[in-house]
Amino acid sequence: MPVTAGNKLYRCQLGPCNVNEALNPIGEVVSKGGAYGLRNCSGMIWNVTTPSGKSKRVMAEEGIPMKDGIKFTVDTGTIAMGQIEIIANNQ
């Protein structure tokens, strides 16, 4: 997924799901002061593991930084951030 502000992560990108939830956004890339993050818009709690191994729960509408090594679980899918490349958004 390109890391540009406003891009969304959809449920169907995590793996098999039913047609009614496939295009529900579960995350949105946000930018503030040059730093990028992923806002939880899934309505569910994300279980996040930092690169140092710390666990954190991220509630709906909260966010996590876009950093190599962060892993989080959404529903039944696990997403691991790695080799993150920030793409300038010239909007």
N, C-alpha and C. Protein backbone atom coordinates (compact mmCIF):
# COMPACT_ATOMS: atom_id res chain seq x y z
N MET A 1 0.84 -1.17 0.00
CA MET A 1 0.00 0.00 0.00
C MET A 1 0.89 1.24 0.00
N PRO A 2 0.70 2.13 -0.94
CA PRO A 2 1.50 3.36 -0.93
C PRO A 2 1.21 4.19 0.32
N VAL A 3 2.26 4.75 0.88
CA VAL A 3 2.11 5.58 2.08
C VAL A 3 1.97 7.02 1.64
N THR A 4 0.75 7.42 1.33
CA THR A 4 0.43 8.80 1.02
C THR A 4 -0.81 9.17 1.81
N ALA A 5 -0.83 10.38 2.35
CA ALA A 5 -1.95 10.82 3.18
C ALA A 5 -3.27 10.61 2.45
N GLY A 6 -4.22 10.04 3.15
CA GLY A 6 -5.56 9.82 2.60
C GLY A 6 -5.77 8.42 2.04
N ASN A 7 -4.69 7.68 1.76
CA ASN A 7 -4.87 6.31 1.27
C ASN A 7 -5.51 5.46 2.35
N LYS A 8 -6.30 4.50 1.92
CA LYS A 8 -7.01 3.65 2.86
C LYS A 8 -6.57 2.19 2.73
N LEU A 9 -6.64 1.49 3.84
CA LEU A 9 -6.40 0.06 3.90
C LEU A 9 -7.78 -0.59 4.06
N TYR A 10 -8.10 -1.54 3.18
CA TYR A 10 -9.44 -2.15 3.18
C TYR A 10 -9.41 -3.56 3.73
N ARG A 11 -10.54 -3.97 4.27
CA ARG A 11 -10.67 -5.31 4.86
C ARG A 11 -10.29 -6.40 3.87
N CYS A 12 -10.63 -6.25 2.61
CA CYS A 12 -10.33 -7.28 1.60
C CYS A 12 -8.83 -7.45 1.38
N GLN A 13 -8.02 -6.48 1.79
CA GLN A 13 -6.58 -6.60 1.63
C GLN A 13 -5.94 -7.50 2.68
N LEU A 14 -6.70 -7.89 3.70
CA LEU A 14 -6.19 -8.77 4.74
C LEU A 14 -6.36 -10.24 4.42
N GLY A 15 -7.21 -10.54 3.45
CA GLY A 15 -7.48 -11.93 3.11
C GLY A 15 -8.96 -12.14 2.87
N PRO A 16 -9.37 -13.39 2.78
CA PRO A 16 -10.78 -13.69 2.48
C PRO A 16 -11.74 -13.02 3.47
N CYS A 17 -12.81 -12.48 2.93
CA CYS A 17 -13.86 -11.89 3.76
C CYS A 17 -15.15 -11.90 2.95
N ASN A 18 -16.25 -11.61 3.60
CA ASN A 18 -17.51 -11.61 2.86
C ASN A 18 -17.66 -10.33 2.05
N VAL A 19 -18.47 -10.39 1.04
CA VAL A 19 -18.63 -9.29 0.09
C VAL A 19 -19.13 -8.01 0.77
N ASN A 20 -19.89 -8.14 1.84
CA ASN A 20 -20.45 -6.96 2.52
C ASN A 20 -19.40 -6.15 3.27
N GLU A 21 -18.28 -6.77 3.64
CA GLU A 21 -17.27 -6.04 4.39
C GLU A 21 -15.97 -5.82 3.60
N ALA A 22 -15.90 -6.35 2.39
CA ALA A 22 -14.66 -6.31 1.60
C ALA A 22 -14.10 -4.91 1.42
N LEU A 23 -14.94 -3.95 1.11
CA LEU A 23 -14.45 -2.60 0.84
C LEU A 23 -14.66 -1.64 1.99
N ASN A 24 -14.84 -2.17 3.19
CA ASN A 24 -14.90 -1.31 4.37
C ASN A 24 -13.47 -0.90 4.73
N PRO A 25 -13.19 0.41 4.79
CA PRO A 25 -11.84 0.82 5.18
C PRO A 25 -11.59 0.48 6.64
N ILE A 26 -10.41 -0.06 6.93
CA ILE A 26 -10.05 -0.37 8.31
C ILE A 26 -8.95 0.56 8.81
N GLY A 27 -8.27 1.24 7.90
CA GLY A 27 -7.22 2.17 8.27
C GLY A 27 -7.07 3.25 7.22
N GLU A 28 -6.56 4.39 7.65
CA GLU A 28 -6.31 5.50 6.74
C GLU A 28 -4.97 6.13 7.07
N VAL A 29 -4.17 6.35 6.04
CA VAL A 29 -2.88 7.01 6.23
C VAL A 29 -3.12 8.48 6.53
N VAL A 30 -2.49 8.96 7.60
CA VAL A 30 -2.59 10.36 8.00
C VAL A 30 -1.18 10.95 8.09
N SER A 31 -1.10 12.26 7.94
CA SER A 31 0.19 12.95 8.01
C SER A 31 0.05 14.17 8.90
N LYS A 32 1.04 14.35 9.75
CA LYS A 32 1.05 15.52 10.63
C LYS A 32 2.50 15.92 10.85
N GLY A 33 2.83 17.13 10.44
CA GLY A 33 4.18 17.63 10.64
C GLY A 33 5.26 16.80 9.95
N GLY A 34 4.94 16.20 8.82
CA GLY A 34 5.91 15.40 8.09
C GLY A 34 6.01 13.96 8.53
N ALA A 35 5.32 13.59 9.61
CA ALA A 35 5.31 12.20 10.09
C ALA A 35 4.03 11.52 9.61
N TYR A 36 4.13 10.25 9.28
CA TYR A 36 2.98 9.50 8.80
C TYR A 36 2.53 8.47 9.82
N GLY A 37 1.23 8.22 9.82
CA GLY A 37 0.66 7.23 10.72
C GLY A 37 -0.52 6.55 10.05
N LEU A 38 -1.07 5.56 10.72
CA LEU A 38 -2.24 4.85 10.22
C LEU A 38 -3.34 4.96 11.28
N ARG A 39 -4.45 5.62 10.90
CA ARG A 39 -5.59 5.82 11.81
C ARG A 39 -6.50 4.60 11.74
N ASN A 40 -6.91 4.12 12.90
CA ASN A 40 -7.82 2.99 12.99
C ASN A 40 -9.24 3.47 12.71
N CYS A 41 -9.77 3.12 11.56
CA CYS A 41 -11.17 3.46 11.25
C CYS A 41 -11.99 2.19 11.06
N SER A 42 -11.56 1.10 11.71
CA SER A 42 -12.22 -0.20 11.59
C SER A 42 -13.40 -0.37 12.53
N GLY A 43 -13.43 0.44 13.59
CA GLY A 43 -14.45 0.24 14.60
C GLY A 43 -14.09 -0.88 15.56
N MET A 44 -12.91 -1.48 15.39
CA MET A 44 -12.43 -2.56 16.26
C MET A 44 -11.14 -2.13 16.94
N ILE A 45 -10.75 -2.85 17.96
CA ILE A 45 -9.49 -2.59 18.65
C ILE A 45 -8.38 -3.31 17.90
N TRP A 46 -7.28 -2.60 17.64
CA TRP A 46 -6.11 -3.22 17.05
C TRP A 46 -5.15 -3.62 18.17
N ASN A 47 -4.57 -4.78 18.05
CA ASN A 47 -3.51 -5.22 18.96
C ASN A 47 -2.19 -4.99 18.25
N VAL A 48 -1.38 -4.09 18.80
CA VAL A 48 -0.15 -3.65 18.14
C VAL A 48 1.06 -4.15 18.91
N THR A 49 2.09 -4.57 18.18
CA THR A 49 3.37 -4.92 18.77
C THR A 49 4.42 -4.01 18.15
N THR A 50 5.15 -3.31 19.00
CA THR A 50 6.18 -2.38 18.53
C THR A 50 7.45 -3.16 18.16
N PRO A 51 8.38 -2.52 17.46
CA PRO A 51 9.63 -3.20 17.12
C PRO A 51 10.39 -3.71 18.35
N SER A 52 10.20 -3.04 19.50
CA SER A 52 10.89 -3.48 20.73
C SER A 52 10.14 -4.58 21.46
N GLY A 53 8.97 -4.98 20.94
CA GLY A 53 8.21 -6.08 21.55
C GLY A 53 7.11 -5.65 22.50
N LYS A 54 6.92 -4.35 22.70
CA LYS A 54 5.86 -3.87 23.59
C LYS A 54 4.50 -4.04 22.91
N SER A 55 3.49 -4.38 23.71
CA SER A 55 2.13 -4.52 23.19
C SER A 55 1.30 -3.31 23.54
N LYS A 56 0.39 -2.97 22.65
CA LYS A 56 -0.47 -1.80 22.86
C LYS A 56 -1.81 -2.08 22.18
N ARG A 57 -2.87 -1.58 22.78
CA ARG A 57 -4.20 -1.67 22.17
C ARG A 57 -4.53 -0.30 21.58
N VAL A 58 -4.94 -0.29 20.33
CA VAL A 58 -5.28 0.96 19.65
C VAL A 58 -6.77 0.95 19.38
N MET A 59 -7.47 1.89 20.01
CA MET A 59 -8.91 1.99 19.89
C MET A 59 -9.30 2.65 18.57
N ALA A 60 -10.58 2.56 18.23
CA ALA A 60 -11.10 3.20 17.02
C ALA A 60 -10.77 4.68 17.04
N GLU A 61 -10.37 5.21 15.90
CA GLU A 61 -10.01 6.60 15.66
C GLU A 61 -8.65 6.99 16.24
N GLU A 62 -7.97 6.09 16.95
CA GLU A 62 -6.60 6.34 17.37
C GLU A 62 -5.67 5.91 16.24
N GLY A 63 -4.39 6.19 16.38
CA GLY A 63 -3.47 5.87 15.31
C GLY A 63 -2.17 5.26 15.80
N ILE A 64 -1.41 4.75 14.84
CA ILE A 64 -0.09 4.20 15.11
C ILE A 64 0.88 4.83 14.11
N PRO A 65 2.14 4.97 14.50
CA PRO A 65 3.11 5.53 13.55
C PRO A 65 3.43 4.53 12.44
N MET A 66 3.76 5.04 11.29
CA MET A 66 4.20 4.18 10.18
C MET A 66 5.71 4.00 10.36
N LYS A 67 6.10 2.87 10.94
CA LYS A 67 7.51 2.58 11.19
C LYS A 67 7.79 1.13 10.86
N ASP A 68 8.99 0.87 10.35
CA ASP A 68 9.40 -0.51 10.10
C ASP A 68 9.30 -1.31 11.39
N GLY A 69 8.79 -2.53 11.29
CA GLY A 69 8.78 -3.44 12.42
C GLY A 69 7.52 -3.43 13.26
N ILE A 70 6.61 -2.50 13.03
CA ILE A 70 5.35 -2.50 13.78
C ILE A 70 4.43 -3.56 13.19
N LYS A 71 3.82 -4.36 14.06
CA LYS A 71 2.85 -5.36 13.63
C LYS A 71 1.54 -5.09 14.34
N PHE A 72 0.43 -5.29 13.63
CA PHE A 72 -0.86 -5.15 14.30
C PHE A 72 -1.87 -6.12 13.73
N THR A 73 -2.78 -6.51 14.59
CA THR A 73 -3.82 -7.47 14.22
C THR A 73 -5.14 -6.74 14.13
N VAL A 74 -5.84 -6.96 13.02
CA VAL A 74 -7.16 -6.40 12.78
C VAL A 74 -8.06 -7.57 12.43
N ASP A 75 -9.09 -7.81 13.23
CA ASP A 75 -9.99 -8.93 12.98
C ASP A 75 -9.16 -10.20 12.96
N THR A 76 -9.06 -10.88 11.84
CA THR A 76 -8.30 -12.13 11.78
C THR A 76 -7.01 -11.98 10.98
N GLY A 77 -6.69 -10.77 10.56
CA GLY A 77 -5.48 -10.57 9.75
C GLY A 77 -4.41 -9.84 10.52
N THR A 78 -3.16 -10.20 10.28
CA THR A 78 -2.03 -9.52 10.89
C THR A 78 -1.26 -8.78 9.81
N ILE A 79 -0.92 -7.54 10.10
CA ILE A 79 -0.19 -6.69 9.16
C ILE A 79 1.16 -6.37 9.78
N ALA A 80 2.22 -6.59 9.04
CA ALA A 80 3.56 -6.26 9.51
C ALA A 80 4.12 -5.17 8.62
N MET A 81 4.52 -4.07 9.23
CA MET A 81 5.09 -2.97 8.45
C MET A 81 6.58 -3.24 8.26
N GLY A 82 7.02 -3.11 7.04
CA GLY A 82 8.43 -3.31 6.73
C GLY A 82 8.76 -2.61 5.43
N GLN A 83 9.96 -2.15 5.32
CA GLN A 83 10.43 -1.45 4.14
C GLN A 83 9.47 -0.34 3.73
N ILE A 84 9.14 0.51 4.69
CA ILE A 84 8.21 1.60 4.44
C ILE A 84 8.90 2.69 3.63
N GLU A 85 8.25 3.10 2.57
CA GLU A 85 8.76 4.16 1.71
C GLU A 85 7.71 5.25 1.64
N ILE A 86 8.05 6.45 2.08
CA ILE A 86 7.13 7.56 2.05
C ILE A 86 7.14 8.18 0.66
N ILE A 87 5.96 8.35 0.09
CA ILE A 87 5.80 8.94 -1.23
C ILE A 87 5.21 10.33 -1.05
N ALA A 88 5.84 11.33 -1.58
CA ALA A 88 5.34 12.70 -1.43
C ALA A 88 3.97 12.82 -2.07
N ASN A 89 3.07 13.48 -1.37
CA ASN A 89 1.72 13.71 -1.88
C ASN A 89 1.62 15.19 -2.20
N ASN A 90 1.59 15.51 -3.47
CA ASN A 90 1.59 16.92 -3.90
C ASN A 90 0.20 17.45 -4.16
N GLN A 91 -0.71 17.20 -3.25
CA GLN A 91 -2.08 17.69 -3.43
C GLN A 91 -2.22 19.06 -2.83
